[in-house]
Protein backbone atom coordinates (compact mmCIF):
# COMPACT_ATOMS: atom_id res chain seq x y z
CA MET A 1 0.04 0.03 -0.03
CA ILE A 2 2.88 2.42 1.01
CA SER A 3 4.55 1.83 -2.37
CA LEU A 4 1.38 2.30 -4.35
CA VAL A 5 0.63 5.68 -2.61
CA SER A 6 4.29 6.91 -3.16
CA MET A 7 4.01 6.03 -6.95
CA VAL A 8 0.64 7.90 -7.11
CA LEU A 9 2.35 10.81 -5.42
CA PHE A 10 5.39 10.52 -7.77
CA ILE A 11 3.33 10.62 -10.81
CA ALA A 12 1.17 13.56 -9.61
CA PHE A 13 4.39 15.58 -8.80
CA ILE A 14 5.59 14.77 -12.23
CA ILE A 15 2.32 15.91 -14.02
CA VAL A 16 2.35 19.24 -12.22
CA GLY A 17 6.09 19.83 -13.39
CA VAL A 18 8.08 18.95 -10.37
CA PRO A 19 11.70 17.99 -11.47
CA ILE A 20 11.90 14.20 -11.40
CA GLY A 21 14.62 13.72 -8.63
CA ALA A 22 12.55 16.12 -6.37
CA ALA A 23 9.36 14.23 -7.36
CA MET A 24 10.85 10.90 -6.22
CA GLY A 25 12.25 12.47 -2.92
CA LEU A 26 9.12 14.29 -2.06
CA ALA A 27 6.99 11.35 -2.61
CA ALA A 28 9.01 9.02 -0.60
CA ALA A 29 9.33 11.51 2.16
CA LEU A 30 5.74 12.21 2.51
CA VAL A 31 4.98 8.59 2.60
CA ILE A 32 7.61 8.08 5.40
CA VAL A 33 6.17 10.81 7.43
CA VAL A 34 2.49 10.00 7.17
CA GLY A 35 3.26 6.29 7.56
CA ASP A 36 5.18 6.95 10.77
CA LEU A 37 8.25 5.36 9.58
CA PRO A 38 11.74 6.36 11.00
CA PHE A 39 12.36 9.91 9.54
CA SER A 40 16.24 9.22 10.04
CA VAL A 41 15.93 6.78 7.10
CA ILE A 42 15.81 9.41 4.64
CA ALA A 43 19.48 10.80 5.48
CA GLN A 44 20.78 7.17 5.92
CA ARG A 45 19.47 5.99 2.36
CA ILE A 46 20.88 9.09 0.67
CA VAL A 47 24.38 8.81 2.41
CA ASN A 48 24.54 5.05 1.58
CA ALA A 49 23.48 5.64 -2.01
CA LEU A 50 26.14 8.32 -2.46
CA ASP A 51 29.01 6.56 -0.66
CA SER A 52 30.20 4.56 -3.64
CA ASP A 53 33.57 4.28 -5.20
CA SER A 54 31.86 3.48 -8.51
CA LEU A 55 29.75 6.71 -8.52
CA LEU A 56 33.17 8.71 -8.12
CA ALA A 57 33.77 8.01 -11.80
CA VAL A 58 30.66 9.98 -12.84
CA PRO A 59 31.89 13.52 -12.18
CA LEU A 60 35.33 12.50 -13.45
CA PHE A 61 34.20 11.18 -16.72
CA ILE A 62 31.97 14.18 -16.94
CA PHE A 63 34.89 16.46 -16.51
CA ALA A 64 36.98 14.61 -18.87
CA ALA A 65 34.38 15.21 -21.76
CA ASN A 66 34.06 18.84 -20.73
CA LEU A 67 37.94 19.16 -21.09
CA PHE A 68 38.06 17.39 -24.39
CA ASP A 69 35.30 19.78 -25.69
CA ALA A 70 37.00 22.80 -24.37
CA SER A 71 40.19 21.92 -25.89
CA GLY A 72 38.70 21.57 -29.42
CA ILE A 73 39.51 17.95 -29.55
CA THR A 74 36.06 16.84 -30.86
CA THR A 75 36.73 18.52 -34.16
CA HIS A 76 39.96 16.77 -34.53
CA ILE A 77 38.13 13.48 -33.93
CA PHE A 78 35.57 14.41 -36.36
CA ASN A 79 38.00 15.36 -38.99
CA PHE A 80 39.97 12.17 -38.67
CA THR A 81 36.88 10.02 -39.30
CA LYS A 82 36.15 12.14 -42.31
CA ILE A 83 39.47 11.04 -44.01
CA LEU A 84 38.37 7.47 -43.34
CA VAL A 85 35.02 7.31 -44.93
CA GLY A 86 34.14 10.89 -45.86
CA LYS A 87 34.38 10.45 -49.65
CA ILE A 88 31.78 7.65 -49.74
CA ARG A 89 28.39 8.79 -50.71
CA GLY A 90 26.56 9.64 -47.54
CA GLY A 91 30.10 9.69 -46.05
CA LEU A 92 29.28 12.35 -43.27
CA GLY A 93 26.70 9.85 -41.91
CA TYR A 94 29.29 7.22 -41.59
CA VAL A 95 31.60 10.02 -40.13
CA THR A 96 29.13 10.97 -37.55
CA ILE A 97 28.77 7.15 -36.35
CA LEU A 98 32.38 6.65 -36.13
CA ALA A 99 33.16 10.00 -34.39
CA ASN A 100 30.65 9.30 -31.89
CA LEU A 101 31.99 5.66 -31.29
CA ILE A 102 35.41 7.27 -30.65
CA PHE A 103 34.18 10.08 -28.69
CA SER A 104 32.02 7.89 -26.70
CA GLY A 105 35.20 6.28 -25.31
CA ILE A 106 35.68 9.46 -23.52
CA SER A 107 32.37 11.06 -22.54
CA GLY A 108 30.19 8.15 -21.35
CA ALA A 109 26.92 10.01 -22.03
CA ALA A 110 24.57 10.43 -24.99
CA LEU A 111 23.98 14.28 -24.24
CA ALA A 112 27.75 14.82 -23.94
CA ASP A 113 28.17 13.45 -27.43
CA ILE A 114 25.50 15.67 -28.69
CA GLY A 115 26.83 18.55 -27.07
CA GLY A 116 30.36 17.84 -27.82
CA LEU A 117 30.00 16.68 -31.45
CA GLY A 118 26.51 17.56 -32.50
CA ALA A 119 27.04 21.14 -33.56
CA VAL A 120 30.26 20.20 -35.72
CA GLN A 121 28.48 17.32 -37.35
CA ILE A 122 25.22 19.15 -38.07
CA ARG A 123 27.08 22.35 -39.42
CA MET A 124 29.46 20.27 -41.74
CA MET A 125 26.39 18.19 -43.09
CA ARG A 126 24.49 21.35 -43.72
CA GLU A 127 27.51 22.85 -45.67
CA GLN A 128 27.57 19.65 -47.76
CA GLY A 129 23.91 19.77 -48.64
CA TYR A 130 22.46 17.04 -46.43
CA ARG A 131 18.74 17.70 -45.37
CA ASP A 132 18.40 18.99 -41.92
CA GLU A 133 16.10 15.85 -40.86
CA PHE A 134 18.87 13.52 -42.00
CA SER A 135 21.55 15.37 -40.02
CA SER A 136 19.57 15.64 -36.84
CA GLY A 137 18.35 12.16 -37.04
CA ILE A 138 21.76 10.43 -37.45
CA THR A 139 23.28 12.80 -34.80
CA MET A 140 20.70 11.69 -32.42
CA ALA A 141 20.78 8.15 -33.08
CA ALA A 142 24.80 8.02 -33.16
CA ALA A 143 24.85 9.60 -29.71
CA THR A 144 22.96 6.42 -28.34
CA ILE A 145 26.47 4.47 -28.70
CA GLY A 146 27.95 6.58 -25.98
CA PRO A 147 25.91 5.27 -22.97
CA ILE A 148 26.70 1.69 -24.29
CA PHE A 149 30.43 1.90 -25.16
CA PRO A 150 32.79 2.22 -22.23
CA PRO A 151 32.92 4.56 -20.24
CA SER A 152 29.31 4.69 -19.72
CA ILE A 153 27.60 6.75 -16.76
CA PRO A 154 24.38 4.80 -17.16
CA LEU A 155 26.15 1.48 -16.98
CA ILE A 156 28.21 2.65 -13.88
CA ILE A 157 24.81 3.75 -12.13
CA TYR A 158 23.14 0.41 -13.27
CA ALA A 159 26.03 -1.50 -11.74
CA THR A 160 25.64 0.47 -8.44
CA ALA A 161 21.99 -0.09 -8.15
CA ALA A 162 22.00 -3.68 -9.22
CA GLU A 163 25.03 -4.60 -7.22
CA VAL A 164 27.01 -6.18 -10.10
CA SER A 165 30.56 -5.61 -11.36
CA SER A 166 31.06 -2.06 -12.87
CA ILE A 167 34.27 -3.29 -14.66
CA LYS A 168 32.51 -6.28 -16.33
CA LEU A 169 29.40 -4.26 -17.15
CA LEU A 170 31.54 -1.66 -18.95
CA ILE A 171 33.46 -4.12 -20.91
CA ALA A 172 30.21 -5.82 -21.95
CA GLY A 173 29.15 -2.70 -23.75
CA VAL A 174 31.95 -2.89 -26.28
CA VAL A 175 30.52 -5.42 -28.65
CA PRO A 176 26.85 -4.27 -28.34
CA ALA A 177 28.17 -0.66 -29.19
CA LEU A 178 29.71 -2.08 -32.39
CA VAL A 179 26.64 -3.80 -33.24
CA ILE A 180 24.66 -0.46 -32.95
CA ALA A 181 27.31 1.22 -35.05
CA ALA A 182 27.14 -1.50 -37.73
CA PHE A 183 23.23 -1.32 -38.10
CA LEU A 184 23.21 2.48 -38.19
CA MET A 185 25.98 2.27 -40.84
CA LEU A 186 23.81 -0.30 -42.84
CA GLU A 187 20.75 2.32 -42.56
CA VAL A 188 22.95 5.09 -43.89
CA ALA A 189 24.08 2.90 -46.73
CA LEU A 190 20.43 2.20 -47.72
CA MET A 191 19.69 5.97 -47.50
CA ALA A 192 22.61 6.78 -49.59
CA ARG A 193 21.63 4.35 -52.15
CA PHE A 194 17.80 5.31 -52.49
CA ARG A 195 17.98 9.14 -51.58
CA GLY A 196 21.27 10.07 -53.38
CA LEU A 197 23.07 11.44 -50.26
CA PRO A 198 26.06 13.81 -50.98
CA ARG A 199 29.51 13.13 -51.03
CA ALA A 200 32.05 15.00 -48.69
CA GLU A 201 34.42 17.45 -49.89
CA ASN A 202 38.03 17.46 -49.39
CA LEU A 203 39.35 18.71 -45.99
CA GLY A 204 42.08 21.02 -47.54
CA GLU A 205 44.67 19.26 -45.31
CA SER A 206 46.61 16.04 -46.12
CA ARG A 207 45.36 12.87 -44.76
CA TRP A 208 48.56 12.51 -42.90
CA GLN A 209 48.46 15.93 -41.36
CA VAL A 210 44.92 15.23 -40.00
CA ALA A 211 45.75 11.96 -38.61
CA LYS A 212 48.98 13.38 -37.05
CA ILE A 213 46.82 16.06 -35.43
CA ALA A 214 44.05 13.76 -34.17
CA PHE A 215 46.44 10.85 -32.98
CA PRO A 216 46.76 12.05 -29.40
CA ALA A 217 43.03 12.36 -28.97
CA LEU A 218 42.51 8.95 -30.35
CA LEU A 219 44.74 7.48 -27.74
CA ALA A 220 42.17 8.37 -25.07
CA PRO A 221 39.59 5.55 -25.60
CA ILE A 222 42.48 3.08 -26.27
CA ILE A 223 44.11 3.94 -22.80
CA LEU A 224 40.68 3.75 -21.08
CA ILE A 225 39.58 0.41 -22.37
CA GLY A 226 43.12 -1.08 -22.30
CA GLY A 227 43.20 -0.03 -18.67
CA LEU A 228 39.94 -1.74 -17.84
CA ILE A 229 40.73 -4.86 -19.70
CA SER A 230 44.19 -5.13 -18.28
CA GLY A 231 42.92 -4.92 -14.99
CA LEU A 232 45.47 -2.19 -13.91
CA PHE A 233 42.55 0.27 -13.21
CA GLY A 234 38.94 0.30 -12.12
CA PRO A 235 36.34 2.70 -13.42
CA THR A 236 37.12 5.47 -11.13
CA GLU A 237 41.00 5.25 -11.67
CA VAL A 238 40.30 5.24 -15.59
CA ALA A 239 38.17 8.22 -15.07
CA ALA A 240 40.70 10.15 -13.23
CA ILE A 241 43.33 9.33 -15.76
CA THR A 242 41.27 10.19 -18.72
CA ALA A 243 40.52 13.60 -17.01
CA LEU A 244 44.24 14.26 -16.35
CA TYR A 245 44.95 13.05 -20.06
CA GLY A 246 42.28 15.65 -21.40
CA ALA A 247 43.82 18.33 -19.40
CA PHE A 248 47.46 17.40 -20.84
CA LEU A 249 46.07 17.42 -24.49
CA GLY A 250 44.21 20.70 -23.95
CA ARG A 251 47.03 22.55 -22.38
CA VAL A 252 50.47 21.00 -23.76
CA VAL A 253 49.56 19.26 -27.26
CA TYR A 254 46.63 21.44 -28.61
CA ARG A 255 47.36 24.51 -26.40
CA LYS A 256 43.71 25.70 -26.34
CA LEU A 257 42.86 24.99 -22.66
CA ASP A 258 43.53 28.25 -20.67
CA TRP A 259 42.38 29.04 -17.09
CA ALA A 260 38.90 30.35 -18.44
CA ASN A 261 38.17 27.13 -20.28
CA LEU A 262 39.20 25.04 -17.26
CA ILE A 263 37.11 26.98 -14.94
CA GLU A 264 34.07 26.80 -17.29
CA ALA A 265 34.67 23.07 -17.65
CA ALA A 266 34.77 22.54 -14.04
CA ARG A 267 31.47 24.70 -13.48
CA LYS A 268 29.68 22.54 -16.00
CA THR A 269 30.91 19.43 -14.25
CA VAL A 270 29.59 20.67 -10.89
CA LEU A 271 26.25 21.38 -12.30
CA ALA A 272 25.91 18.07 -14.36
CA THR A 273 27.17 16.00 -11.32
CA ALA A 274 24.78 17.80 -8.83
CA SER A 275 22.05 16.96 -10.96
CA VAL A 276 22.90 13.45 -11.32
CA LEU A 277 23.61 12.69 -7.81
CA PHE A 278 20.61 14.47 -6.49
CA ILE A 279 18.73 12.06 -8.62
CA VAL A 280 20.63 9.13 -7.22
CA GLY A 281 20.04 10.24 -3.55
CA CYS A 282 16.29 10.90 -4.09
CA ALA A 283 15.95 7.52 -5.99
CA ALA A 284 17.47 5.60 -3.16
CA ILE A 285 14.72 6.78 -0.89
CA PHE A 286 12.00 6.08 -3.32
CA ALA A 287 13.40 2.58 -3.90
CA TRP A 288 13.71 1.90 -0.11
CA VAL A 289 9.79 2.43 0.13
CA PHE A 290 9.34 -0.33 -2.54
CA THR A 291 11.87 -2.54 -0.65
CA ILE A 292 10.18 -2.38 2.62
CA GLU A 293 7.04 -3.84 1.03
CA GLN A 294 8.88 -6.58 -0.83
CA VAL A 295 7.98 -5.10 -4.25
CA PRO A 296 11.10 -6.97 -5.85
CA ILE A 297 10.12 -10.07 -4.71
CA LYS A 298 6.32 -9.53 -5.81
CA VAL A 299 7.39 -8.50 -9.21
CA SER A 300 9.66 -11.73 -9.50
CA GLU A 301 6.70 -13.94 -8.60
CA LEU A 302 4.57 -12.05 -11.05
CA LEU A 303 7.08 -12.48 -13.89
CA LEU A 304 7.45 -16.20 -13.16
CA SER A 305 3.83 -16.74 -13.07
CA VAL A 306 3.60 -15.35 -16.79
CA SER A 307 6.64 -17.54 -17.93
CA ALA A 308 9.83 -19.17 -16.94
CA ASN A 309 11.26 -18.61 -20.50
CA PRO A 310 14.02 -16.01 -20.16
CA LEU A 311 13.48 -14.68 -23.69
CA VAL A 312 9.77 -14.17 -23.06
CA LEU A 313 10.52 -12.35 -19.81
CA LEU A 314 13.13 -10.26 -21.50
CA ALA A 315 10.67 -9.41 -24.39
CA ILE A 316 8.12 -8.18 -21.69
CA VAL A 317 10.76 -6.21 -20.02
CA ASN A 318 11.83 -4.70 -23.27
CA ILE A 319 8.39 -3.51 -24.18
CA ALA A 320 7.73 -2.03 -20.65
CA LEU A 321 11.13 -0.22 -20.69
CA LEU A 322 10.60 1.20 -24.17
CA VAL A 323 7.42 2.76 -22.79
CA ILE A 324 8.98 3.79 -19.55
CA GLY A 325 11.82 5.43 -21.38
CA MET A 326 9.32 7.60 -23.28
CA VAL A 327 8.15 9.10 -20.11
CA MET A 328 10.97 8.93 -17.44
CA GLU A 329 14.35 10.07 -17.13
CA SER A 330 16.84 7.50 -17.74
CA ILE A 331 19.09 7.64 -14.62
CA ALA A 332 15.99 7.75 -12.45
CA ALA A 333 14.41 4.80 -14.24
CA ILE A 334 17.63 2.65 -13.77
CA LEU A 335 17.85 3.41 -10.16
CA ILE A 336 14.19 2.53 -9.52
CA LEU A 337 13.99 -0.61 -11.88
CA ALA A 338 17.34 -2.18 -11.58
CA PRO A 339 16.96 -3.43 -7.95
CA ILE A 340 13.48 -4.78 -9.17
CA LEU A 341 14.33 -6.40 -12.36
CA ALA A 342 17.93 -7.78 -11.60
CA PRO A 343 16.66 -10.40 -8.92
CA ALA A 344 13.38 -11.37 -11.07
CA LEU A 345 15.46 -12.06 -14.17
CA ALA A 346 18.41 -13.67 -12.42
CA MET A 347 15.86 -16.24 -11.17
CA VAL A 348 15.17 -17.54 -14.84
CA GLY A 349 18.92 -17.45 -15.71
CA VAL A 350 19.20 -14.18 -17.33
CA ASP A 351 22.88 -13.02 -16.94
CA PRO A 352 22.90 -9.71 -14.95
CA ILE A 353 25.54 -8.31 -17.18
CA GLN A 354 23.40 -8.97 -20.30
CA LEU A 355 20.28 -7.45 -18.43
CA GLY A 356 22.18 -4.28 -17.49
CA VAL A 357 23.02 -3.54 -21.18
CA VAL A 358 19.62 -4.33 -22.24
CA VAL A 359 18.12 -2.12 -19.57
CA VAL A 360 20.42 0.88 -20.52
CA LEU A 361 19.88 0.41 -24.38
CA ASN A 362 16.06 0.38 -23.97
CA LEU A 363 16.26 3.71 -22.05
CA MET A 364 18.77 5.34 -24.30
CA ILE A 365 16.25 4.57 -27.23
CA GLY A 366 13.83 6.44 -24.97
CA LEU A 367 16.02 9.58 -25.27
CA LEU A 368 15.01 9.85 -28.82
CA THR A 369 11.21 9.67 -28.23
CA PRO A 370 8.84 12.25 -26.69
CA PRO A 371 7.65 13.51 -24.30
CA VAL A 372 10.67 13.25 -22.28
CA GLY A 373 13.31 12.36 -24.78
CA MET A 374 16.22 14.47 -23.82
CA SER A 375 18.28 13.81 -26.88
CA LEU A 376 15.51 14.92 -28.91
CA TYR A 377 15.39 18.53 -27.23
CA MET A 378 19.06 18.92 -27.27
CA VAL A 379 19.45 18.30 -30.87
CA ALA A 380 16.65 20.72 -31.66
CA VAL A 381 18.63 23.27 -29.77
CA VAL A 382 22.07 22.42 -31.34
CA ALA A 383 20.43 22.26 -34.86
CA ASP A 384 18.08 25.33 -34.26
CA MET A 385 15.13 23.16 -35.64
CA PRO A 386 11.69 22.66 -34.46
CA VAL A 387 11.34 19.66 -32.36
CA GLU A 388 8.82 18.15 -34.98
CA ARG A 389 11.30 18.16 -37.78
CA VAL A 390 13.95 16.52 -35.44
CA LEU A 391 11.51 13.73 -34.44
CA ARG A 392 10.57 13.24 -38.15
CA GLY A 393 14.49 12.89 -38.86
CA SER A 394 14.97 10.41 -36.07
CA LEU A 395 12.30 7.91 -37.11
CA PRO A 396 14.30 5.95 -39.74
CA PHE A 397 17.07 5.49 -37.28
CA LEU A 398 14.73 3.96 -34.67
CA ILE A 399 14.73 0.63 -36.94
CA PRO A 400 18.45 -0.04 -36.59
CA LEU A 401 18.30 0.71 -32.85
CA LEU A 402 15.50 -1.43 -32.48
CA LEU A 403 17.19 -4.26 -34.47
CA SER A 404 20.24 -3.77 -32.22
CA LEU A 405 18.11 -4.28 -29.05
CA VAL A 406 16.54 -7.59 -30.54
CA VAL A 407 20.12 -8.86 -31.24
CA VAL A 408 21.47 -8.02 -27.94
CA THR A 409 18.29 -9.52 -26.23
CA MET A 410 18.37 -12.91 -28.30
CA VAL A 411 22.08 -13.35 -28.22
CA PRO A 412 23.59 -13.14 -24.59
CA ALA A 413 27.16 -13.82 -25.89
CA ILE A 414 27.33 -10.33 -27.55
CA THR A 415 27.40 -8.80 -24.01
CA THR A 416 28.88 -11.71 -22.00
CA TRP A 417 31.75 -12.94 -24.37
CA LEU A 418 34.15 -10.18 -23.90
CA PRO A 419 34.00 -9.69 -20.25
CA ASN A 420 34.36 -13.47 -19.70
CA VAL A 421 37.34 -13.68 -22.03
CA VAL A 422 39.31 -10.87 -20.48
CA LEU A 423 38.45 -10.83 -16.90
């Protein structure tokens, strides 16, 4: 009963426009006060939720992404991918996908990828004669790779909430991210053939010169993934090293990072981190209300009463998560749902590492869909386009994303093979 009341209050707060973190915290706090539960549990749950080594990686990865953006490194990454595939018909579509794959090895967040690369990508595609709908759609869809490929802030938060290995979960995202990239490239190839997409013009610089300038930036994801796979570093240590490397590149190599840029990067990091951790703390109270009424156990029993087939249950979870992703912010959804879904699916043999990737991919697809889809609104701002046009441009790219979700769901080895091999 308590959990039902808190959920009703949460929905009511969302409807009247209360920010999602505050809505969760207020709903849980009101239930605790009215239900005569220990008031001290609010502080205890918040402190326990934030007292996590894995969560320390979140502000560090955000800071690293801001440093790379402030140093102009995103442009070098984009230019490097342009010399690889830019001359193919529809080449800037492929460039966008590859650039996001590389930059996602630094940022760990879809919105960071859009903020860092989106303006550059859309501007260049406009200059080459691409339609705005295509430019915004591929920019938004390619940014979905970021939260799957390591480092991934959503995967780190999922690992914390579901109590699974964050290192394994991060490494598990490598192959699924490549699958997403491959399906998106196939979509671009089909659109290039049937819609006659333009070819890119020459950069005006030699391929060698562009590659030489971009090389130090390209080492960042290699250092990051290599550190994780080798076991030399955990997620937090890798995040710190990536941030230091970003500062080194910006100040020593590219000489664009001055004190003003550094302070601005730190300011953006503080604001973004405060927002994420506020949601984490409020979600911890909200989840506790569900836990005391044994909601995870009841959900497990309900799912098992439907079927004991893991694929059937994963299909149900996928449908539910796609709907939830349309109306709920992804980090909040992960924090609420991970402790409920992980035990239930584990009982039928679903690997918790696979489930983590499936949950995050579902919710990242939700970023492309209204009414809450943050990627949708951010691309609209970056591209200076109406949201309706951005939405139309994104629709063709939902097909490869959904196909990727089906493949990751149906073939557990896509997520489990690499962590089992290297760890």
